Amino acid sequence: MGNGVVRWRGHRVHVTEIGEGDPLLLVAGLGCNTQMWAPFIKHFPHRRIIRFDAPGTGESSTPMYPVPVASLSDLAAEVLDSCDAPWADVIGFSYGGAIAQQLAYEHPDRIRRLVLASTTCGVGAAPGSLAALTVLGTPVRYYSPTYFDRTAGASYGGMTERDAPTRHRMMQVRRQHPPSPYGYTMQLLGAIGWSSWPFLSQIPHETLVICGDDDPLIPIQNAEMLARHIPHARLEIVEHGGHLLLWDDADHLGRRISRFVNAAHSTNRTSRHNGNGASHGNGNGASRHNGHGARA
């Protein structure tokens, strides 16, 4: 497909597809665009990588009204259809993790393995710091390098806070296709009231829940809760990792996550969807080491 457009419920959705192999669907966070995945996807050379810009972001059209998370999971399924992919391994990051959870519940046969990175259950989650949430309320960080540089530490932590060249690189790609203020607001409003809490125990897939221990926006309690309630989940906590760990530490996280999703190649997909997936760790699906999950 390369770069293309999917028409969905009146929206024009920008979709990219590169590579060959088993399909891997990447679902990005609030205000993010497909190009921001570039450093991460280098670690999946033998996969067919599918990405899309949610309405109001990147090169997709701006919606007149908020598009709820539940509807965005239908969009993700439509994107897979447009790429002739009956199923995919799915990586959901931050806001995209909410969409991935909903997709796993509403369309379980479309997912083989699931990765939830730096994300929450929505309503019922442990809140981030006030400083981080304040920055999240506006897309100014996508437009102003000075503002991004000044607020990145309090908002994202991790490598983005510690390393100035990383901040500069991330700011450059953010400015290429920033969300419009209205589109960004519609995306924020689309998450109001959403929660995966009622259906987490019904997600049947082998799931990797991964987060950093230096994430001011989404504290690690949220990852612990997801891993505790998704039956076949394992938890990994990345030492010194921040909210943007998939992108600001792509070499480390790319290798780490590729091991998980590629491990499914030698396993029959059918077992993932009939409740017989392998449980890990302490009997409720969460892999624990010293009470804190796997660390690296």
C-alpha atoms as a PDB file:
ATOM      1  CA  MET A   1       0.000   0.000   0.000  1.00  0.00           C
ATOM      2  CA  GLY A   2       2.794   2.486   0.838  1.00  0.00           C
ATOM      3  CA  ASN A   3       1.073   5.735   1.757  1.00  0.00           C
ATOM      4  CA  GLY A   4      -2.661   5.764   1.263  1.00  0.00           C
ATOM      5  CA  VAL A   5      -5.986   7.116   2.422  1.00  0.00           C
ATOM      6  CA  VAL A   6      -8.838   5.198   4.022  1.00  0.00           C
ATOM      7  CA  ARG A   7     -12.296   6.747   3.918  1.00  0.00           C
ATOM      8  CA  TRP A   8     -14.011   5.948   7.188  1.00  0.00           C
ATOM      9  CA  ARG A   9     -17.299   7.399   8.490  1.00  0.00           C
ATOM     10  CA  GLY A  10     -16.723  10.698   6.722  1.00  0.00           C
ATOM     11  CA  HIS A  11     -13.066  10.951   7.748  1.00  0.00           C
ATOM     12  CA  ARG A  12     -10.002  10.821   5.520  1.00  0.00           C
ATOM     13  CA  VAL A  13      -7.453   8.674   7.379  1.00  0.00           C
ATOM     14  CA  HIS A  14      -3.793   8.634   6.371  1.00  0.00           C
ATOM     15  CA  VAL A  15      -2.336   5.098   6.423  1.00  0.00           C
ATOM     16  CA  THR A  16       1.217   3.903   5.780  1.00  0.00           C
ATOM     17  CA  GLU A  17       2.375   0.353   5.142  1.00  0.00           C
ATOM     18  CA  ILE A  18       5.979  -0.724   4.651  1.00  0.00           C
ATOM     19  CA  GLY A  19       7.936  -3.956   4.702  1.00  0.00           C
ATOM     20  CA  GLU A  20       7.021  -7.602   4.297  1.00  0.00           C
ATOM     21  CA  GLY A  21       6.222 -10.341   6.760  1.00  0.00           C
ATOM     22  CA  ASP A  22       3.716 -10.811   9.543  1.00  0.00           C
ATOM     23  CA  PRO A  23       1.676  -7.618  10.044  1.00  0.00           C
ATOM     24  CA  LEU A  24       2.451  -5.306  12.959  1.00  0.00           C
ATOM     25  CA  LEU A  25      -0.032  -2.514  13.698  1.00  0.00           C
ATOM     26  CA  LEU A  26       1.308   0.537  15.556  1.00  0.00           C
ATOM     27  CA  VAL A  27      -1.197   2.804  17.310  1.00  0.00           C
ATOM     28  CA  ALA A  28       0.262   6.121  18.445  1.00  0.00           C
ATOM     29  CA  GLY A  29      -0.468   8.532  21.261  1.00  0.00           C
ATOM     30  CA  LEU A  30      -2.249  11.846  21.613  1.00  0.00           C
ATOM     31  CA  GLY A  31      -1.463  14.262  18.780  1.00  0.00           C
ATOM     32  CA  CYS A  32       1.198  11.958  17.326  1.00  0.00           C
ATOM     33  CA  ASN A  33       1.784  11.192  13.648  1.00  0.00           C
ATOM     34  CA  THR A  34       3.052   8.133  11.783  1.00  0.00           C
ATOM     35  CA  GLN A  35       6.530   9.576  11.204  1.00  0.00           C
ATOM     36  CA  MET A  36       7.254   9.601  14.920  1.00  0.00           C
ATOM     37  CA  TRP A  37       7.574   5.795  14.844  1.00  0.00           C
ATOM     38  CA  ALA A  38      10.583   5.918  12.458  1.00  0.00           C
ATOM     39  CA  PRO A  39      13.404   5.113  14.957  1.00  0.00           C
ATOM     40  CA  PHE A  40      11.347   2.320  16.526  1.00  0.00           C
ATOM     41  CA  ILE A  41      10.353   0.433  13.372  1.00  0.00           C
ATOM     42  CA  LYS A  42      13.984  -0.077  12.341  1.00  0.00           C
ATOM     43  CA  HIS A  43      14.000  -2.968  14.803  1.00  0.00           C
ATOM     44  CA  PHE A  44      11.301  -4.869  12.890  1.00  0.00           C
ATOM     45  CA  PRO A  45      12.983  -5.428   9.506  1.00  0.00           C
ATOM     46  CA  HIS A  46      11.052  -8.592   8.730  1.00  0.00           C
ATOM     47  CA  ARG A  47       7.581  -7.307   9.545  1.00  0.00           C
ATOM     48  CA  ARG A  48       4.877  -5.551   7.551  1.00  0.00           C
ATOM     49  CA  ILE A  49       4.467  -2.309   9.504  1.00  0.00           C
ATOM     50  CA  ILE A  50       1.033  -0.669   9.415  1.00  0.00           C
ATOM     51  CA  ARG A  51       0.487   2.813  10.883  1.00  0.00           C
ATOM     52  CA  PHE A  52      -2.259   5.424  10.709  1.00  0.00           C
ATOM     53  CA  ASP A  53      -2.927   8.989  11.795  1.00  0.00           C
ATOM     54  CA  ALA A  54      -6.070   9.211  13.933  1.00  0.00           C
ATOM     55  CA  PRO A  55      -8.604  11.861  12.860  1.00  0.00           C
ATOM     56  CA  GLY A  56      -7.291  15.262  13.928  1.00  0.00           C
ATOM     57  CA  THR A  57      -3.624  14.226  13.786  1.00  0.00           C
ATOM     58  CA  GLY A  58      -0.874  14.002  11.199  1.00  0.00           C
ATOM     59  CA  GLU A  59      -2.145  13.968   7.622  1.00  0.00           C
ATOM     60  CA  SER A  60      -5.663  12.786   8.459  1.00  0.00           C
ATOM     61  CA  SER A  61      -8.677  15.072   8.293  1.00  0.00           C
ATOM     62  CA  THR A  62      -9.883  17.006  11.330  1.00  0.00           C
ATOM     63  CA  PRO A  63     -13.217  15.770  12.725  1.00  0.00           C
ATOM     64  CA  MET A  64     -16.040  18.175  13.490  1.00  0.00           C
ATOM     65  CA  TYR A  65     -16.866  16.241  16.647  1.00  0.00           C
ATOM     66  CA  PRO A  66     -14.894  14.032  19.061  1.00  0.00           C
ATOM     67  CA  VAL A  67     -14.298  10.471  17.892  1.00  0.00           C
ATOM     68  CA  PRO A  68     -14.646   8.164  20.927  1.00  0.00           C
ATOM     69  CA  VAL A  69     -11.961   5.613  21.745  1.00  0.00           C
ATOM     70  CA  ALA A  70     -14.450   2.806  21.098  1.00  0.00           C
ATOM     71  CA  SER A  71     -14.983   4.113  17.551  1.00  0.00           C
ATOM     72  CA  LEU A  72     -11.231   4.436  16.987  1.00  0.00           C
ATOM     73  CA  SER A  73     -10.907   0.705  17.650  1.00  0.00           C
ATOM     74  CA  ASP A  74     -13.320   0.156  14.750  1.00  0.00           C
ATOM     75  CA  LEU A  75     -11.093   2.447  12.673  1.00  0.00           C
ATOM     76  CA  ALA A  76      -8.059   0.317  13.559  1.00  0.00           C
ATOM     77  CA  ALA A  77      -9.934  -2.769  12.326  1.00  0.00           C
ATOM     78  CA  GLU A  78     -10.846  -0.910   9.129  1.00  0.00           C
ATOM     79  CA  VAL A  79      -7.178   0.008   8.611  1.00  0.00           C
ATOM     80  CA  LEU A  80      -6.266  -3.684   8.846  1.00  0.00           C
ATOM     81  CA  ASP A  81      -8.975  -4.453   6.291  1.00  0.00           C
ATOM     82  CA  SER A  82      -7.588  -1.805   3.942  1.00  0.00           C
ATOM     83  CA  CYS A  83      -4.194  -3.512   4.129  1.00  0.00           C
ATOM     84  CA  ASP A  84      -5.684  -6.995   3.610  1.00  0.00           C
ATOM     85  CA  ALA A  85      -4.457  -8.005   7.047  1.00  0.00           C
ATOM     86  CA  PRO A  86      -6.902 -10.370   8.773  1.00  0.00           C
ATOM     87  CA  TRP A  87      -4.872 -10.066  11.982  1.00  0.00           C
ATOM     88  CA  ALA A  88      -1.789  -8.331  13.355  1.00  0.00           C
ATOM     89  CA  ASP A  89       0.414  -8.063  16.371  1.00  0.00           C
ATOM     90  CA  VAL A  90      -0.570  -4.707  17.890  1.00  0.00           C
ATOM     91  CA  ILE A  91       1.498  -2.157  19.797  1.00  0.00           C
ATOM     92  CA  GLY A  92      -0.517   0.602  21.460  1.00  0.00           C
ATOM     93  CA  PHE A  93       1.375   3.529  22.940  1.00  0.00           C
ATOM     94  CA  SER A  94      -0.143   5.958  25.493  1.00  0.00           C
ATOM     95  CA  TYR A  95      -3.500   7.112  24.044  1.00  0.00           C
ATOM     96  CA  GLY A  96      -2.986   4.448  21.405  1.00  0.00           C
ATOM     97  CA  GLY A  97      -2.860   1.895  24.196  1.00  0.00           C
ATOM     98  CA  ALA A  98      -6.470   2.728  25.011  1.00  0.00           C
ATOM     99  CA  ILE A  99      -7.434   2.120  21.374  1.00  0.00           C
ATOM    100  CA  ALA A 100      -5.482  -1.157  21.399  1.00  0.00           C
ATOM    101  CA  GLN A 101      -7.278  -2.347  24.543  1.00  0.00           C
ATOM    102  CA  GLN A 102     -10.651  -1.572  22.980  1.00  0.00           C
ATOM    103  CA  LEU A 103      -9.615  -3.325  19.762  1.00  0.00           C
ATOM    104  CA  ALA A 104      -8.593  -6.401  21.763  1.00  0.00           C
ATOM    105  CA  TYR A 105     -12.020  -6.480  23.391  1.00  0.00           C
ATOM    106  CA  GLU A 106     -14.220  -5.571  20.413  1.00  0.00           C
ATOM    107  CA  HIS A 107     -12.244  -7.378  17.707  1.00  0.00           C
ATOM    108  CA  PRO A 108     -10.220 -10.104  19.472  1.00  0.00           C
ATOM    109  CA  ASP A 109      -9.699 -12.140  16.297  1.00  0.00           C
ATOM    110  CA  ARG A 110      -7.777  -9.233  14.729  1.00  0.00           C
ATOM    111  CA  ILE A 111      -4.912  -9.459  17.254  1.00  0.00           C
ATOM    112  CA  ARG A 112      -2.278 -12.146  17.755  1.00  0.00           C
ATOM    113  CA  ARG A 113      -0.089 -10.577  20.452  1.00  0.00           C
ATOM    114  CA  LEU A 114      -0.706  -7.283  22.224  1.00  0.00           C
ATOM    115  CA  VAL A 115       1.745  -4.714  23.599  1.00  0.00           C
ATOM    116  CA  LEU A 116       0.506  -1.914  25.860  1.00  0.00           C
ATOM    117  CA  ALA A 117       3.167   0.747  26.421  1.00  0.00           C
ATOM    118  CA  SER A 118       2.949   3.762  28.759  1.00  0.00           C
ATOM    119  CA  THR A 119      -0.822   3.512  28.959  1.00  0.00           C
ATOM    120  CA  THR A 120      -3.757   3.232  31.357  1.00  0.00           C
ATOM    121  CA  CYS A 121      -7.268   1.857  31.752  1.00  0.00           C
ATOM    122  CA  GLY A 122      -8.735   5.367  31.430  1.00  0.00           C
ATOM    123  CA  VAL A 123     -11.312   6.120  34.120  1.00  0.00           C
ATOM    124  CA  GLY A 124     -10.077   4.451  37.291  1.00  0.00           C
ATOM    125  CA  ALA A 125      -6.391   5.010  36.549  1.00  0.00           C
ATOM    126  CA  ALA A 126      -3.821   6.563  38.864  1.00  0.00           C
ATOM    127  CA  PRO A 127      -3.338  10.173  37.706  1.00  0.00           C
ATOM    128  CA  GLY A 128      -0.032  11.644  36.622  1.00  0.00           C
ATOM    129  CA  SER A 129       1.597  14.718  38.109  1.00  0.00           C
ATOM    130  CA  LEU A 130      -0.228  18.025  37.848  1.00  0.00           C
ATOM    131  CA  ALA A 131       2.630  19.526  35.840  1.00  0.00           C
ATOM    132  CA  ALA A 132       2.513  16.710  33.262  1.00  0.00           C
ATOM    133  CA  LEU A 133      -1.270  16.806  32.948  1.00  0.00           C
ATOM    134  CA  THR A 134      -1.196  20.580  32.495  1.00  0.00           C
ATOM    135  CA  VAL A 135       1.182  20.270  29.538  1.00  0.00           C
ATOM    136  CA  LEU A 136      -1.003  17.509  28.072  1.00  0.00           C
ATOM    137  CA  GLY A 137      -3.947  19.888  27.889  1.00  0.00           C
ATOM    138  CA  THR A 138      -2.512  21.893  24.986  1.00  0.00           C
ATOM    139  CA  PRO A 139      -0.675  21.062  21.709  1.00  0.00           C
ATOM    140  CA  VAL A 140       1.765  23.968  22.163  1.00  0.00           C
ATOM    141  CA  ARG A 141       4.602  21.446  22.673  1.00  0.00           C
ATOM    142  CA  TYR A 142       4.146  20.398  19.031  1.00  0.00           C
ATOM    143  CA  TYR A 143       4.698  23.946  17.780  1.00  0.00           C
ATOM    144  CA  SER A 144       7.190  25.608  20.114  1.00  0.00           C
ATOM    145  CA  PRO A 145      10.685  24.103  20.524  1.00  0.00           C
ATOM    146  CA  THR A 146      11.289  26.420  23.477  1.00  0.00           C
ATOM    147  CA  TYR A 147       8.137  25.269  25.255  1.00  0.00           C
ATOM    148  CA  PHE A 148       8.881  21.593  24.538  1.00  0.00           C
ATOM    149  CA  ASP A 149      12.435  21.964  25.831  1.00  0.00           C
ATOM    150  CA  ARG A 150      11.237  23.729  28.981  1.00  0.00           C
ATOM    151  CA  THR A 151       8.449  21.266  29.817  1.00  0.00           C
ATOM    152  CA  ALA A 152       9.791  17.921  28.535  1.00  0.00           C
ATOM    153  CA  GLY A 153      11.341  16.918  31.842  1.00  0.00           C
ATOM    154  CA  ALA A 154       8.213  17.488  33.898  1.00  0.00           C
ATOM    155  CA  SER A 155       5.989  15.955  31.213  1.00  0.00           C
ATOM    156  CA  TYR A 156       7.894  12.928  29.986  1.00  0.00           C
ATOM    157  CA  GLY A 157      10.923  12.164  32.165  1.00  0.00           C
ATOM    158  CA  GLY A 158      13.309   9.480  30.949  1.00  0.00           C
ATOM    159  CA  MET A 159      15.754  10.021  28.104  1.00  0.00           C
ATOM    160  CA  THR A 160      13.745  13.010  26.847  1.00  0.00           C
ATOM    161  CA  GLU A 161      14.499  14.804  30.099  1.00  0.00           C
ATOM    162  CA  ARG A 162      18.128  13.705  30.387  1.00  0.00           C
ATOM    163  CA  ASP A 163      19.418  14.144  26.836  1.00  0.00           C
ATOM    164  CA  ALA A 164      19.252  17.459  24.934  1.00  0.00           C
ATOM    165  CA  PRO A 165      20.005  15.971  21.465  1.00  0.00           C
ATOM    166  CA  THR A 166      17.125  13.518  21.954  1.00  0.00           C
ATOM    167  CA  ARG A 167      14.766  16.378  22.787  1.00  0.00           C
ATOM    168  CA  HIS A 168      15.920  18.254  19.697  1.00  0.00           C
ATOM    169  CA  ARG A 169      15.381  15.229  17.430  1.00  0.00           C
ATOM    170  CA  MET A 170      11.925  14.583  18.803  1.00  0.00           C
ATOM    171  CA  MET A 171      10.924  18.214  18.451  1.00  0.00           C
ATOM    172  CA  GLN A 172      11.917  18.219  14.786  1.00  0.00           C
ATOM    173  CA  VAL A 173       9.704  15.262  13.887  1.00  0.00           C
ATOM    174  CA  ARG A 174       6.819  16.647  15.964  1.00  0.00           C
ATOM    175  CA  ARG A 175       6.842  19.864  13.965  1.00  0.00           C
ATOM    176  CA  GLN A 176       6.557  18.122  10.590  1.00  0.00           C
ATOM    177  CA  HIS A 177       2.862  17.270  10.958  1.00  0.00           C
ATOM    178  CA  PRO A 178       1.589  18.788  14.232  1.00  0.00           C
ATOM    179  CA  PRO A 179      -2.052  18.346  15.194  1.00  0.00           C
ATOM    180  CA  SER A 180      -4.304  21.341  14.733  1.00  0.00           C
ATOM    181  CA  PRO A 181      -5.461  22.845  18.040  1.00  0.00           C
ATOM    182  CA  TYR A 182      -9.048  21.905  17.205  1.00  0.00           C
ATOM    183  CA  GLY A 183      -8.119  18.381  16.134  1.00  0.00           C
ATOM    184  CA  TYR A 184      -6.064  17.899  19.280  1.00  0.00           C
ATOM    185  CA  THR A 185      -8.986  19.050  21.412  1.00  0.00           C
ATOM    186  CA  MET A 186     -11.333  16.636  19.637  1.00  0.00           C
ATOM    187  CA  GLN A 187      -8.929  13.798  20.379  1.00  0.00           C
ATOM    188  CA  LEU A 188      -8.758  14.764  24.041  1.00  0.00           C
ATOM    189  CA  LEU A 189     -12.540  14.933  24.277  1.00  0.00           C
ATOM    190  CA  GLY A 190     -12.856  11.535  22.608  1.00  0.00           C
ATOM    191  CA  ALA A 191     -11.249   9.899  25.639  1.00  0.00           C
ATOM    192  CA  ILE A 192     -13.608  11.432  28.212  1.00  0.00           C
ATOM    193  CA  GLY A 193     -15.450   8.736  30.122  1.00  0.00           C
ATOM    194  CA  TRP A 194     -13.635   5.846  28.473  1.00  0.00           C
ATOM    195  CA  SER A 195     -12.456   2.951  30.631  1.00  0.00           C
ATOM    196  CA  SER A 196     -11.231  -0.569  29.976  1.00  0.00           C
ATOM    197  CA  TRP A 197     -11.710  -1.509  33.614  1.00  0.00           C
ATOM    198  CA  PRO A 198     -14.971  -3.449  32.974  1.00  0.00           C
ATOM    199  CA  PHE A 199     -13.443  -5.688  30.284  1.00  0.00           C
ATOM    200  CA  LEU A 200      -9.747  -6.098  31.125  1.00  0.00           C
ATOM    201  CA  SER A 201     -10.353  -9.627  32.408  1.00  0.00           C
ATOM    202  CA  GLN A 202     -11.902 -10.510  29.034  1.00  0.00           C
ATOM    203  CA  ILE A 203      -8.853  -9.633  26.925  1.00  0.00           C
ATOM    204  CA  PRO A 204      -7.684 -13.089  25.788  1.00  0.00           C
ATOM    205  CA  HIS A 205      -4.336 -12.302  24.169  1.00  0.00           C
ATOM    206  CA  GLU A 206      -0.826 -12.800  25.382  1.00  0.00           C
ATOM    207  CA  THR A 207       0.001  -9.246  26.389  1.00  0.00           C
ATOM    208  CA  LEU A 208       3.152  -7.356  27.244  1.00  0.00           C
ATOM    209  CA  VAL A 209       2.506  -4.374  29.510  1.00  0.00           C
ATOM    210  CA  ILE A 210       5.587  -2.166  29.537  1.00  0.00           C
ATOM    211  CA  CYS A 211       6.341   1.196  31.131  1.00  0.00           C
ATOM    212  CA  GLY A 212       9.155   3.278  32.552  1.00  0.00           C
ATOM    213  CA  ASP A 213       9.713   3.998  36.226  1.00  0.00           C
ATOM    214  CA  ASP A 214      10.381   7.678  35.416  1.00  0.00           C
ATOM    215  CA  ASP A 215       7.088   8.556  33.719  1.00  0.00           C
ATOM    216  CA  PRO A 216       5.476  11.647  35.288  1.00  0.00           C
ATOM    217  CA  LEU A 217       2.402  11.358  33.062  1.00  0.00           C
ATOM    218  CA  ILE A 218       1.433   7.729  33.661  1.00  0.00           C
ATOM    219  CA  PRO A 219       2.741   6.293  36.954  1.00  0.00           C
ATOM    220  CA  ILE A 220       3.783   2.636  37.054  1.00  0.00           C
ATOM    221  CA  GLN A 221       0.766   1.753  39.201  1.00  0.00           C
ATOM    222  CA  ASN A 222      -1.254   1.844  35.996  1.00  0.00           C
ATOM    223  CA  ALA A 223       0.896  -0.749  34.251  1.00  0.00           C
ATOM    224  CA  GLU A 224       0.788  -2.918  37.364  1.00  0.00           C
ATOM    225  CA  MET A 225      -2.994  -2.747  37.392  1.00  0.00           C
ATOM    226  CA  LEU A 226      -3.292  -3.646  33.700  1.00  0.00           C
ATOM    227  CA  ALA A 227      -0.950  -6.614  34.072  1.00  0.00           C
ATOM    228  CA  ARG A 228      -2.798  -7.798  37.171  1.00  0.00           C
ATOM    229  CA  HIS A 229      -6.210  -7.864  35.468  1.00  0.00           C
ATOM    230  CA  ILE A 230      -5.419  -9.004  31.911  1.00  0.00           C
ATOM    231  CA  PRO A 231      -5.327 -12.804  32.264  1.00  0.00           C
ATOM    232  CA  HIS A 232      -2.319 -13.572  30.035  1.00  0.00           C
ATOM    233  CA  ALA A 233      -0.241 -10.454  30.631  1.00  0.00           C
ATOM    234  CA  ARG A 234       3.321  -9.960  31.733  1.00  0.00           C
ATOM    235  CA  LEU A 235       4.685  -6.739  33.174  1.00  0.00           C
ATOM    236  CA  GLU A 236       8.036  -5.170  32.358  1.00  0.00           C
ATOM    237  CA  ILE A 237       9.225  -1.949  33.986  1.00  0.00           C
ATOM    238  CA  VAL A 238      12.107  -0.154  32.303  1.00  0.00           C
ATOM    239  CA  GLU A 239      14.542   1.445  34.725  1.00  0.00           C
ATOM    240  CA  HIS A 240      14.961   5.170  34.097  1.00  0.00           C
ATOM    241  CA  GLY A 241      12.423   4.939  31.261  1.00  0.00           C
ATOM    242  CA  GLY A 242      10.109   7.883  30.689  1.00  0.00           C
ATOM    243  CA  HIS A 243       6.755   8.264  28.993  1.00  0.00           C
ATOM    244  CA  LEU A 244       8.221   8.419  25.477  1.00  0.00           C
ATOM    245  CA  LEU A 245      10.428   5.365  25.960  1.00  0.00           C
ATOM    246  CA  LEU A 246       9.434   3.735  22.664  1.00  0.00           C
ATOM    247  CA  TRP A 247      10.764   6.749  20.773  1.00  0.00           C
ATOM    248  CA  ASP A 248      13.478   8.308  22.923  1.00  0.00           C
ATOM    249  CA  ASP A 249      15.050   4.906  23.731  1.00  0.00           C
ATOM    250  CA  ALA A 250      14.012   3.117  20.525  1.00  0.00           C
ATOM    251  CA  ASP A 251      17.105   0.909  20.258  1.00  0.00           C
ATOM    252  CA  HIS A 252      16.544  -0.651  23.664  1.00  0.00           C
ATOM    253  CA  LEU A 253      12.756  -0.876  23.512  1.00  0.00           C
ATOM    254  CA  GLY A 254      12.654  -1.966  19.901  1.00  0.00           C
ATOM    255  CA  ARG A 255      14.823  -5.003  20.643  1.00  0.00           C
ATOM    256  CA  ARG A 256      12.914  -5.763  23.812  1.00  0.00           C
ATOM    257  CA  ILE A 257       9.448  -5.612  22.262  1.00  0.00           C
ATOM    258  CA  SER A 258      10.504  -7.410  19.081  1.00  0.00           C
ATOM    259  CA  ARG A 259      11.480 -10.418  21.183  1.00  0.00           C
ATOM    260  CA  PHE A 260       7.953 -10.579  22.553  1.00  0.00           C
ATOM    261  CA  VAL A 261       5.985 -10.122  19.323  1.00  0.00           C
ATOM    262  CA  ASN A 262       8.313 -12.289  17.234  1.00  0.00           C
ATOM    263  CA  ALA A 263       8.078 -15.134  19.742  1.00  0.00           C
ATOM    264  CA  ALA A 264       4.576 -15.760  18.422  1.00  0.00           C
ATOM    265  CA  HIS A 265       5.881 -16.855  15.006  1.00  0.00           C
ATOM    266  CA  SER A 266       6.421 -20.444  16.108  1.00  0.00           C
ATOM    267  CA  THR A 267       3.130 -20.662  18.000  1.00  0.00           C
ATOM    268  CA  ASN A 268      -0.292 -21.492  16.620  1.00  0.00           C
ATOM    269  CA  ARG A 269      -2.483 -18.385  16.603  1.00  0.00           C
ATOM    270  CA  THR A 270      -5.608 -20.329  17.482  1.00  0.00           C
ATOM    271  CA  SER A 271      -4.551 -20.815  21.086  1.00  0.00           C
ATOM    272  CA  ARG A 272      -4.430 -17.053  21.562  1.00  0.00           C
ATOM    273  CA  HIS A 273      -8.167 -16.679  21.080  1.00  0.00           C
ATOM    274  CA  ASN A 274      -9.672 -19.689  22.861  1.00  0.00           C
ATOM    275  CA  GLY A 275      -8.539 -18.899  26.393  1.00  0.00           C
ATOM    276  CA  ASN A 276      -5.620 -21.312  26.305  1.00  0.00           C
ATOM    277  CA  GLY A 277      -2.786 -18.800  25.975  1.00  0.00           C
ATOM    278  CA  ALA A 278       0.081 -19.357  28.354  1.00  0.00           C
ATOM    279  CA  SER A 279      -0.190 -17.555  31.664  1.00  0.00           C
ATOM    280  CA  HIS A 280       2.962 -16.032  33.128  1.00  0.00           C
ATOM    281  CA  GLY A 281       4.290 -15.462  36.597  1.00  0.00           C
ATOM    282  CA  ASN A 282       2.029 -15.385  39.600  1.00  0.00           C
ATOM    283  CA  GLY A 283      -1.130 -17.015  38.267  1.00  0.00           C
ATOM    284  CA  ASN A 284      -2.949 -13.820  37.272  1.00  0.00           C
ATOM    285  CA  GLY A 285      -0.794 -13.279  34.173  1.00  0.00           C
ATOM    286  CA  ALA A 286       1.639 -10.697  35.560  1.00  0.00           C
ATOM    287  CA  SER A 287       5.302 -11.593  35.638  1.00  0.00           C
ATOM    288  CA  ARG A 288       6.840 -10.298  38.879  1.00  0.00           C
ATOM    289  CA  HIS A 289      10.410 -10.018  40.053  1.00  0.00           C
ATOM    290  CA  ASN A 290      11.019  -8.605  43.526  1.00  0.00           C
ATOM    291  CA  GLY A 291       7.501  -7.207  43.466  1.00  0.00           C
ATOM    292  CA  HIS A 292       8.173  -4.731  40.676  1.00  0.00           C
ATOM    293  CA  GLY A 293       7.962  -6.669  37.413  1.00  0.00           C
ATOM    294  CA  ALA A 294      10.864  -7.332  35.083  1.00  0.00           C
ATOM    295  CA  ARG A 295      13.363  -4.490  35.023  1.00  0.00           C
ATOM    296  CA  ALA A 296      16.160  -3.611  32.635  1.00  0.00           C
END
